[in-house]
Amino acid sequence: MGKPGCGKTTLLLNLLLKPGWLDYSKLSVFGKSLFQPEYKILRKGFEEQLPKEMIMRVFENRDEIQREQSSPNELIHELAKKEGPSAQRTKTNELIECNFYESADDLLDPKEISPEHKNLMLFDDLLLQKQNKCEAYYVHGRHSNCDACI
């Protein structure tokens, strides 16, 4: 936890998108603030199957994109048309699957997750919410090859 503006989002984006920082083939994001621009860009980038490095470049150049009166989502869509769906691959040549959840009811139980994939569950802005689902992932997630982070 930290104050607004202290770099939590930057750290999170580095963890998710910088080569060699986190290795995953399935990303699940659960939070009550998925309306934030960072999550919209992340979601659009993964939906368009861009490589993690390319999504990171969109974040790094966001100010310039806005100065040119374009939107990050438009740029992501254009990049996806150029790159094609084969661009977003993990080290084992898998496409990265990404899911976003705003309700705990929609989350799978960690026991139902396939251990054949490198799963990553991200919890964001849930401090004041019931922690049952978070606890289940921290306790049982490793049995399903799932790392959990806040």
N, C-alpha and C. Protein backbone atom coordinates (compact mmCIF):
# COMPACT_ATOMS: atom_id res chain seq x y z
N MET A 1 0.83 -1.18 0.00
CA MET A 1 0.00 0.00 0.00
C MET A 1 0.88 1.24 0.00
N GLY A 2 0.32 2.28 -0.49
CA GLY A 2 1.03 3.55 -0.51
C GLY A 2 0.09 4.66 -0.88
N LYS A 3 0.57 5.88 -0.72
CA LYS A 3 -0.22 7.05 -1.05
C LYS A 3 -0.44 7.14 -2.55
N PRO A 4 -1.49 7.84 -2.97
CA PRO A 4 -1.67 8.08 -4.41
C PRO A 4 -0.45 8.78 -4.99
N GLY A 5 -0.04 8.34 -6.17
CA GLY A 5 1.08 8.97 -6.85
C GLY A 5 2.46 8.49 -6.43
N CYS A 6 2.53 7.44 -5.61
CA CYS A 6 3.84 6.98 -5.14
C CYS A 6 4.48 5.94 -6.06
N GLY A 7 3.77 5.52 -7.10
CA GLY A 7 4.38 4.60 -8.07
C GLY A 7 3.87 3.19 -8.04
N LYS A 8 2.77 2.92 -7.34
CA LYS A 8 2.23 1.56 -7.27
C LYS A 8 1.83 1.05 -8.65
N THR A 9 1.15 1.89 -9.43
CA THR A 9 0.70 1.47 -10.75
C THR A 9 1.88 1.25 -11.69
N THR A 10 2.88 2.10 -11.61
CA THR A 10 4.07 1.92 -12.44
C THR A 10 4.76 0.61 -12.11
N LEU A 11 4.88 0.30 -10.83
CA LEU A 11 5.48 -0.97 -10.43
C LEU A 11 4.66 -2.15 -10.96
N LEU A 12 3.35 -2.06 -10.82
CA LEU A 12 2.48 -3.12 -11.30
C LEU A 12 2.65 -3.33 -12.81
N LEU A 13 2.65 -2.25 -13.57
CA LEU A 13 2.80 -2.37 -15.02
C LEU A 13 4.17 -2.96 -15.39
N ASN A 14 5.21 -2.57 -14.67
CA ASN A 14 6.52 -3.17 -14.91
C ASN A 14 6.49 -4.67 -14.65
N LEU A 15 5.89 -5.06 -13.53
CA LEU A 15 5.80 -6.49 -13.20
C LEU A 15 5.06 -7.27 -14.28
N LEU A 16 3.97 -6.70 -14.76
CA LEU A 16 3.13 -7.41 -15.74
C LEU A 16 3.70 -7.39 -17.15
N LEU A 17 4.40 -6.32 -17.53
CA LEU A 17 4.71 -6.12 -18.95
C LEU A 17 6.19 -6.14 -19.32
N LYS A 18 7.08 -5.94 -18.39
CA LYS A 18 8.51 -5.93 -18.74
C LYS A 18 9.00 -7.36 -18.94
N PRO A 19 9.79 -7.58 -19.99
CA PRO A 19 10.30 -8.92 -20.26
C PRO A 19 11.11 -9.46 -19.08
N GLY A 20 10.80 -10.70 -18.71
CA GLY A 20 11.55 -11.38 -17.67
C GLY A 20 11.13 -11.06 -16.24
N TRP A 21 10.19 -10.15 -16.05
CA TRP A 21 9.79 -9.81 -14.68
C TRP A 21 8.83 -10.84 -14.13
N LEU A 22 7.73 -11.10 -14.80
CA LEU A 22 6.79 -12.15 -14.39
C LEU A 22 6.48 -13.00 -15.62
N ASP A 23 6.47 -14.29 -15.43
CA ASP A 23 6.18 -15.21 -16.53
C ASP A 23 4.82 -15.85 -16.27
N TYR A 24 3.87 -15.55 -17.13
CA TYR A 24 2.52 -16.09 -16.99
C TYR A 24 1.90 -16.26 -18.36
N SER A 25 0.95 -17.18 -18.45
CA SER A 25 0.21 -17.36 -19.70
C SER A 25 -1.27 -17.05 -19.52
N LYS A 26 -1.73 -16.98 -18.27
CA LYS A 26 -3.11 -16.59 -17.97
C LYS A 26 -3.09 -15.56 -16.85
N LEU A 27 -3.67 -14.41 -17.13
CA LEU A 27 -3.73 -13.33 -16.15
C LEU A 27 -5.19 -13.07 -15.81
N SER A 28 -5.48 -13.04 -14.52
CA SER A 28 -6.81 -12.67 -14.05
C SER A 28 -6.65 -11.46 -13.15
N VAL A 29 -7.49 -10.46 -13.36
CA VAL A 29 -7.44 -9.23 -12.57
C VAL A 29 -8.79 -9.06 -11.91
N PHE A 30 -8.77 -8.92 -10.59
CA PHE A 30 -9.99 -8.74 -9.82
C PHE A 30 -9.86 -7.44 -9.04
N GLY A 31 -10.80 -6.52 -9.27
CA GLY A 31 -10.74 -5.26 -8.55
C GLY A 31 -12.01 -4.46 -8.73
N LYS A 32 -12.14 -3.48 -7.89
CA LYS A 32 -13.31 -2.61 -7.92
C LYS A 32 -13.05 -1.32 -8.69
N SER A 33 -11.83 -1.17 -9.22
CA SER A 33 -11.50 0.07 -9.93
C SER A 33 -10.97 -0.21 -11.34
N LEU A 34 -11.58 -1.17 -12.00
CA LEU A 34 -11.12 -1.55 -13.34
C LEU A 34 -11.51 -0.53 -14.40
N PHE A 35 -12.21 0.52 -14.00
CA PHE A 35 -12.57 1.62 -14.91
C PHE A 35 -11.40 2.56 -15.14
N GLN A 36 -10.32 2.43 -14.37
CA GLN A 36 -9.17 3.31 -14.50
C GLN A 36 -8.53 3.16 -15.89
N PRO A 37 -7.98 4.25 -16.44
CA PRO A 37 -7.39 4.19 -17.78
C PRO A 37 -6.32 3.11 -17.94
N GLU A 38 -5.52 2.88 -16.90
CA GLU A 38 -4.47 1.86 -16.99
C GLU A 38 -5.06 0.48 -17.25
N TYR A 39 -6.14 0.16 -16.56
CA TYR A 39 -6.75 -1.15 -16.78
C TYR A 39 -7.45 -1.23 -18.13
N LYS A 40 -8.00 -0.13 -18.59
CA LYS A 40 -8.63 -0.13 -19.92
C LYS A 40 -7.58 -0.39 -21.00
N ILE A 41 -6.42 0.24 -20.88
CA ILE A 41 -5.35 0.02 -21.85
C ILE A 41 -4.85 -1.42 -21.76
N LEU A 42 -4.62 -1.89 -20.55
CA LEU A 42 -4.14 -3.26 -20.36
C LEU A 42 -5.12 -4.26 -20.96
N ARG A 43 -6.41 -4.07 -20.66
CA ARG A 43 -7.44 -4.97 -21.18
C ARG A 43 -7.46 -4.96 -22.71
N LYS A 44 -7.47 -3.76 -23.29
CA LYS A 44 -7.52 -3.64 -24.75
C LYS A 44 -6.28 -4.27 -25.39
N GLY A 45 -5.13 -4.04 -24.80
CA GLY A 45 -3.90 -4.62 -25.34
C GLY A 45 -3.93 -6.14 -25.35
N PHE A 46 -4.40 -6.73 -24.26
CA PHE A 46 -4.48 -8.19 -24.21
C PHE A 46 -5.60 -8.73 -25.10
N GLU A 47 -6.72 -8.02 -25.17
CA GLU A 47 -7.81 -8.45 -26.07
C GLU A 47 -7.34 -8.45 -27.52
N GLU A 48 -6.52 -7.48 -27.88
CA GLU A 48 -6.00 -7.39 -29.25
C GLU A 48 -4.77 -8.28 -29.45
N GLN A 49 -4.39 -9.00 -28.41
CA GLN A 49 -3.29 -9.97 -28.43
C GLN A 49 -1.95 -9.34 -28.81
N LEU A 50 -1.71 -8.13 -28.30
CA LEU A 50 -0.41 -7.50 -28.50
C LEU A 50 0.60 -8.12 -27.54
N PRO A 51 1.86 -8.13 -27.92
CA PRO A 51 2.89 -8.60 -26.98
C PRO A 51 2.99 -7.65 -25.79
N LYS A 52 3.42 -8.17 -24.67
CA LYS A 52 3.53 -7.37 -23.45
C LYS A 52 4.40 -6.14 -23.67
N GLU A 53 5.51 -6.30 -24.39
CA GLU A 53 6.42 -5.18 -24.62
C GLU A 53 5.74 -4.05 -25.39
N MET A 54 4.87 -4.39 -26.32
CA MET A 54 4.19 -3.37 -27.12
C MET A 54 3.15 -2.63 -26.27
N ILE A 55 2.48 -3.34 -25.39
CA ILE A 55 1.52 -2.69 -24.49
C ILE A 55 2.28 -1.73 -23.57
N MET A 56 3.46 -2.14 -23.11
CA MET A 56 4.27 -1.28 -22.26
C MET A 56 4.66 0.00 -22.99
N ARG A 57 4.99 -0.12 -24.27
CA ARG A 57 5.36 1.08 -25.05
C ARG A 57 4.18 2.05 -25.16
N VAL A 58 2.96 1.51 -25.23
CA VAL A 58 1.78 2.39 -25.25
C VAL A 58 1.73 3.21 -23.96
N PHE A 59 1.98 2.54 -22.82
CA PHE A 59 1.99 3.27 -21.54
C PHE A 59 3.11 4.30 -21.51
N GLU A 60 4.28 3.93 -21.98
CA GLU A 60 5.42 4.85 -21.95
C GLU A 60 5.20 6.08 -22.83
N ASN A 61 4.40 5.94 -23.88
CA ASN A 61 4.18 7.04 -24.82
C ASN A 61 2.78 7.64 -24.73
N ARG A 62 2.10 7.41 -23.63
CA ARG A 62 0.72 7.84 -23.48
C ARG A 62 0.55 9.35 -23.61
N ASP A 63 1.47 10.12 -23.04
CA ASP A 63 1.37 11.58 -23.14
C ASP A 63 1.48 12.04 -24.60
N GLU A 64 2.41 11.47 -25.32
CA GLU A 64 2.58 11.83 -26.73
C GLU A 64 1.36 11.43 -27.56
N ILE A 65 0.80 10.28 -27.26
CA ILE A 65 -0.41 9.81 -27.96
C ILE A 65 -1.54 10.80 -27.75
N GLN A 66 -1.71 11.27 -26.52
CA GLN A 66 -2.78 12.22 -26.23
C GLN A 66 -2.52 13.59 -26.85
N ARG A 67 -1.24 14.00 -26.93
CA ARG A 67 -0.92 15.27 -27.58
C ARG A 67 -1.30 15.24 -29.06
N GLU A 68 -1.20 14.08 -29.67
CA GLU A 68 -1.56 13.93 -31.08
C GLU A 68 -3.07 13.71 -31.24
N GLN A 69 -3.80 13.91 -30.15
CA GLN A 69 -5.26 13.79 -30.12
C GLN A 69 -5.73 12.42 -30.60
N SER A 70 -5.01 11.43 -30.17
CA SER A 70 -5.39 10.05 -30.43
C SER A 70 -5.67 9.41 -29.07
N SER A 71 -6.21 8.23 -29.09
CA SER A 71 -6.43 7.54 -27.82
C SER A 71 -5.56 6.29 -27.80
N PRO A 72 -5.12 5.87 -26.61
CA PRO A 72 -4.34 4.64 -26.53
C PRO A 72 -5.08 3.44 -27.12
N ASN A 73 -6.40 3.38 -26.94
CA ASN A 73 -7.16 2.26 -27.48
C ASN A 73 -7.15 2.24 -29.01
N GLU A 74 -7.22 3.42 -29.63
CA GLU A 74 -7.14 3.48 -31.09
C GLU A 74 -5.78 3.00 -31.57
N LEU A 75 -4.72 3.44 -30.88
CA LEU A 75 -3.38 3.02 -31.24
C LEU A 75 -3.22 1.51 -31.08
N ILE A 76 -3.72 0.97 -29.99
CA ILE A 76 -3.63 -0.48 -29.76
C ILE A 76 -4.33 -1.23 -30.88
N HIS A 77 -5.50 -0.76 -31.28
CA HIS A 77 -6.24 -1.42 -32.36
C HIS A 77 -5.44 -1.39 -33.66
N GLU A 78 -4.82 -0.24 -33.97
CA GLU A 78 -4.02 -0.11 -35.19
C GLU A 78 -2.78 -1.01 -35.12
N LEU A 79 -2.13 -1.06 -33.97
CA LEU A 79 -0.96 -1.93 -33.81
C LEU A 79 -1.34 -3.39 -33.97
N ALA A 80 -2.49 -3.77 -33.45
CA ALA A 80 -2.95 -5.15 -33.55
C ALA A 80 -3.19 -5.55 -35.01
N LYS A 81 -3.73 -4.61 -35.80
CA LYS A 81 -3.95 -4.91 -37.22
C LYS A 81 -2.62 -5.15 -37.92
N LYS A 82 -1.59 -4.41 -37.53
CA LYS A 82 -0.26 -4.57 -38.15
C LYS A 82 0.43 -5.84 -37.68
N GLU A 83 0.35 -6.11 -36.38
CA GLU A 83 1.09 -7.23 -35.78
C GLU A 83 0.41 -8.58 -35.99
N GLY A 84 -0.91 -8.60 -35.90
CA GLY A 84 -1.63 -9.86 -36.01
C GLY A 84 -1.62 -10.61 -34.70
N PRO A 85 -2.49 -11.63 -34.56
CA PRO A 85 -2.64 -12.34 -33.29
C PRO A 85 -1.46 -13.21 -32.90
N SER A 86 -0.56 -13.49 -33.81
CA SER A 86 0.56 -14.36 -33.46
C SER A 86 1.64 -13.62 -32.69
N ALA A 87 1.51 -12.30 -32.55
CA ALA A 87 2.57 -11.50 -31.93
C ALA A 87 2.66 -11.72 -30.43
N GLN A 88 1.54 -11.95 -29.75
CA GLN A 88 1.54 -12.03 -28.30
C GLN A 88 1.78 -13.47 -27.87
N ARG A 89 3.02 -13.79 -27.60
CA ARG A 89 3.38 -15.15 -27.21
C ARG A 89 4.25 -15.11 -25.96
N THR A 90 4.13 -16.14 -25.15
CA THR A 90 5.01 -16.28 -24.00
C THR A 90 6.24 -17.03 -24.47
N LYS A 91 7.15 -17.29 -23.54
CA LYS A 91 8.37 -18.01 -23.88
C LYS A 91 8.08 -19.40 -24.44
N THR A 92 6.97 -19.98 -24.01
CA THR A 92 6.60 -21.32 -24.49
C THR A 92 5.66 -21.24 -25.68
N ASN A 93 5.59 -20.08 -26.32
CA ASN A 93 4.80 -19.87 -27.53
C ASN A 93 3.29 -19.94 -27.30
N GLU A 94 2.84 -19.65 -26.08
CA GLU A 94 1.42 -19.62 -25.77
C GLU A 94 0.89 -18.19 -25.91
N LEU A 95 -0.34 -18.05 -26.33
CA LEU A 95 -0.99 -16.74 -26.26
C LEU A 95 -1.33 -16.46 -24.80
N ILE A 96 -1.25 -15.20 -24.42
CA ILE A 96 -1.61 -14.82 -23.05
C ILE A 96 -3.11 -14.57 -23.00
N GLU A 97 -3.76 -15.26 -22.11
CA GLU A 97 -5.20 -15.07 -21.90
C GLU A 97 -5.39 -14.17 -20.70
N CYS A 98 -6.28 -13.19 -20.81
CA CYS A 98 -6.48 -12.23 -19.75
C CYS A 98 -7.97 -12.08 -19.46
N ASN A 99 -8.33 -12.09 -18.18
CA ASN A 99 -9.71 -11.92 -17.76
C ASN A 99 -9.77 -10.89 -16.64
N PHE A 100 -10.82 -10.08 -16.66
CA PHE A 100 -11.03 -9.04 -15.66
C PHE A 100 -12.34 -9.31 -14.94
N TYR A 101 -12.32 -9.16 -13.61
CA TYR A 101 -13.50 -9.44 -12.80
C TYR A 101 -13.74 -8.29 -11.82
N GLU A 102 -15.00 -7.87 -11.72
CA GLU A 102 -15.35 -6.84 -10.74
C GLU A 102 -16.18 -7.42 -9.60
N SER A 103 -16.59 -8.68 -9.73
CA SER A 103 -17.39 -9.32 -8.69
C SER A 103 -16.72 -10.63 -8.27
N ALA A 104 -16.64 -10.83 -6.96
CA ALA A 104 -16.05 -12.07 -6.44
C ALA A 104 -16.85 -13.28 -6.88
N ASP A 105 -18.14 -13.09 -7.14
CA ASP A 105 -18.98 -14.20 -7.56
C ASP A 105 -18.55 -14.77 -8.92
N ASP A 106 -17.90 -13.94 -9.74
CA ASP A 106 -17.48 -14.37 -11.07
C ASP A 106 -16.15 -15.11 -11.07
N LEU A 107 -15.38 -15.01 -9.99
CA LEU A 107 -14.07 -15.65 -9.93
C LEU A 107 -14.20 -17.16 -9.78
N LEU A 108 -13.34 -17.87 -10.47
CA LEU A 108 -13.27 -19.31 -10.27
C LEU A 108 -12.66 -19.60 -8.91
N ASP A 109 -13.03 -20.72 -8.34
CA ASP A 109 -12.35 -21.20 -7.15
C ASP A 109 -10.94 -21.60 -7.61
N PRO A 110 -9.91 -21.33 -6.83
CA PRO A 110 -8.56 -21.67 -7.28
C PRO A 110 -8.38 -23.15 -7.60
N LYS A 111 -9.18 -24.01 -7.00
CA LYS A 111 -9.09 -25.45 -7.28
C LYS A 111 -9.57 -25.79 -8.69
N GLU A 112 -10.33 -24.88 -9.32
CA GLU A 112 -10.87 -25.12 -10.66
C GLU A 112 -9.94 -24.61 -11.77
N ILE A 113 -8.85 -24.00 -11.40
CA ILE A 113 -7.91 -23.44 -12.38
C ILE A 113 -6.99 -24.55 -12.88
N SER A 114 -6.73 -24.56 -14.17
CA SER A 114 -5.87 -25.57 -14.76
C SER A 114 -4.41 -25.34 -14.37
N PRO A 115 -3.78 -26.30 -13.73
CA PRO A 115 -2.36 -26.15 -13.36
C PRO A 115 -1.42 -26.29 -14.56
N GLU A 116 -1.96 -26.59 -15.72
CA GLU A 116 -1.13 -26.72 -16.92
C GLU A 116 -0.68 -25.37 -17.45
N HIS A 117 -1.27 -24.29 -16.97
CA HIS A 117 -0.90 -22.95 -17.39
C HIS A 117 -0.18 -22.24 -16.26
N LYS A 118 0.56 -21.20 -16.61
CA LYS A 118 1.20 -20.34 -15.60
C LYS A 118 0.20 -19.23 -15.30
N ASN A 119 -0.53 -19.40 -14.22
CA ASN A 119 -1.62 -18.50 -13.86
C ASN A 119 -1.14 -17.41 -12.92
N LEU A 120 -1.65 -16.21 -13.14
CA LEU A 120 -1.36 -15.09 -12.25
C LEU A 120 -2.68 -14.40 -11.92
N MET A 121 -2.97 -14.27 -10.62
CA MET A 121 -4.17 -13.59 -10.16
C MET A 121 -3.75 -12.30 -9.49
N LEU A 122 -4.30 -11.20 -9.99
CA LEU A 122 -3.98 -9.88 -9.45
C LEU A 122 -5.22 -9.34 -8.73
N PHE A 123 -5.04 -8.94 -7.48
CA PHE A 123 -6.11 -8.32 -6.69
C PHE A 123 -5.76 -6.85 -6.53
N ASP A 124 -6.72 -5.96 -6.83
CA ASP A 124 -6.45 -4.53 -6.73
C ASP A 124 -7.60 -3.80 -6.05
N ASP A 125 -7.25 -2.89 -5.16
CA ASP A 125 -8.21 -2.03 -4.46
C ASP A 125 -9.32 -2.82 -3.77
N LEU A 126 -8.94 -3.83 -3.02
CA LEU A 126 -9.93 -4.67 -2.34
C LEU A 126 -9.78 -4.66 -0.83
N LEU A 127 -9.05 -3.70 -0.31
CA LEU A 127 -8.77 -3.66 1.11
C LEU A 127 -10.04 -3.66 1.95
N LEU A 128 -11.07 -2.96 1.51
CA LEU A 128 -12.30 -2.85 2.29
C LEU A 128 -13.33 -3.91 1.93
N GLN A 129 -12.97 -4.84 1.05
CA GLN A 129 -13.88 -5.90 0.62
C GLN A 129 -13.66 -7.15 1.46
N LYS A 130 -14.59 -8.08 1.38
CA LYS A 130 -14.40 -9.38 2.03
C LYS A 130 -13.19 -10.05 1.37
N GLN A 131 -12.38 -10.70 2.16
CA GLN A 131 -11.12 -11.25 1.69
C GLN A 131 -11.17 -12.76 1.42
N ASN A 132 -12.35 -13.36 1.44
CA ASN A 132 -12.45 -14.82 1.30
C ASN A 132 -11.81 -15.32 0.01
N LYS A 133 -12.12 -14.69 -1.13
CA LYS A 133 -11.56 -15.13 -2.41
C LYS A 133 -10.06 -14.91 -2.45
N CYS A 134 -9.61 -13.77 -1.94
CA CYS A 134 -8.17 -13.50 -1.91
C CYS A 134 -7.45 -14.56 -1.08
N GLU A 135 -7.99 -14.84 0.09
CA GLU A 135 -7.39 -15.84 0.96
C GLU A 135 -7.33 -17.20 0.28
N ALA A 136 -8.39 -17.57 -0.41
CA ALA A 136 -8.42 -18.87 -1.10
C ALA A 136 -7.30 -18.96 -2.13
N TYR A 137 -7.04 -17.88 -2.85
CA TYR A 137 -5.97 -17.89 -3.84
C TYR A 137 -4.59 -17.96 -3.18
N TYR A 138 -4.42 -17.27 -2.08
CA TYR A 138 -3.13 -17.32 -1.40
C TYR A 138 -2.87 -18.68 -0.79
N VAL A 139 -3.90 -19.33 -0.29
CA VAL A 139 -3.73 -20.63 0.36
C VAL A 139 -3.70 -21.78 -0.64
N HIS A 140 -4.61 -21.77 -1.62
CA HIS A 140 -4.76 -22.91 -2.53
C HIS A 140 -4.26 -22.67 -3.94
N GLY A 141 -3.95 -21.43 -4.28
CA GLY A 141 -3.55 -21.11 -5.65
C GLY A 141 -2.33 -21.86 -6.14
N ARG A 142 -1.35 -22.07 -5.26
CA ARG A 142 -0.12 -22.74 -5.69
C ARG A 142 -0.36 -24.16 -6.18
N HIS A 143 -1.42 -24.79 -5.70
CA HIS A 143 -1.75 -26.14 -6.15
C HIS A 143 -2.26 -26.14 -7.58
N SER A 144 -2.69 -24.97 -8.06
CA SER A 144 -3.18 -24.83 -9.43
C SER A 144 -2.18 -24.04 -10.28
N ASN A 145 -0.93 -23.97 -9.84
CA ASN A 145 0.11 -23.23 -10.54
C ASN A 145 -0.31 -21.78 -10.73
N CYS A 146 -0.84 -21.19 -9.66
CA CYS A 146 -1.35 -19.81 -9.70
C CYS A 146 -0.66 -18.97 -8.63
N ASP A 147 0.00 -17.93 -9.07
CA ASP A 147 0.56 -16.94 -8.15
C ASP A 147 -0.47 -15.85 -7.95
N ALA A 148 -0.52 -15.30 -6.76
CA ALA A 148 -1.46 -14.21 -6.46
C ALA A 148 -0.66 -13.03 -5.94
N CYS A 149 -1.08 -11.83 -6.38
CA CYS A 149 -0.43 -10.62 -5.89
C CYS A 149 -1.45 -9.52 -5.71
N ILE A 150 -1.11 -8.60 -4.83
CA ILE A 150 -1.98 -7.46 -4.54
C ILE A 150 -1.35 -6.22 -5.13
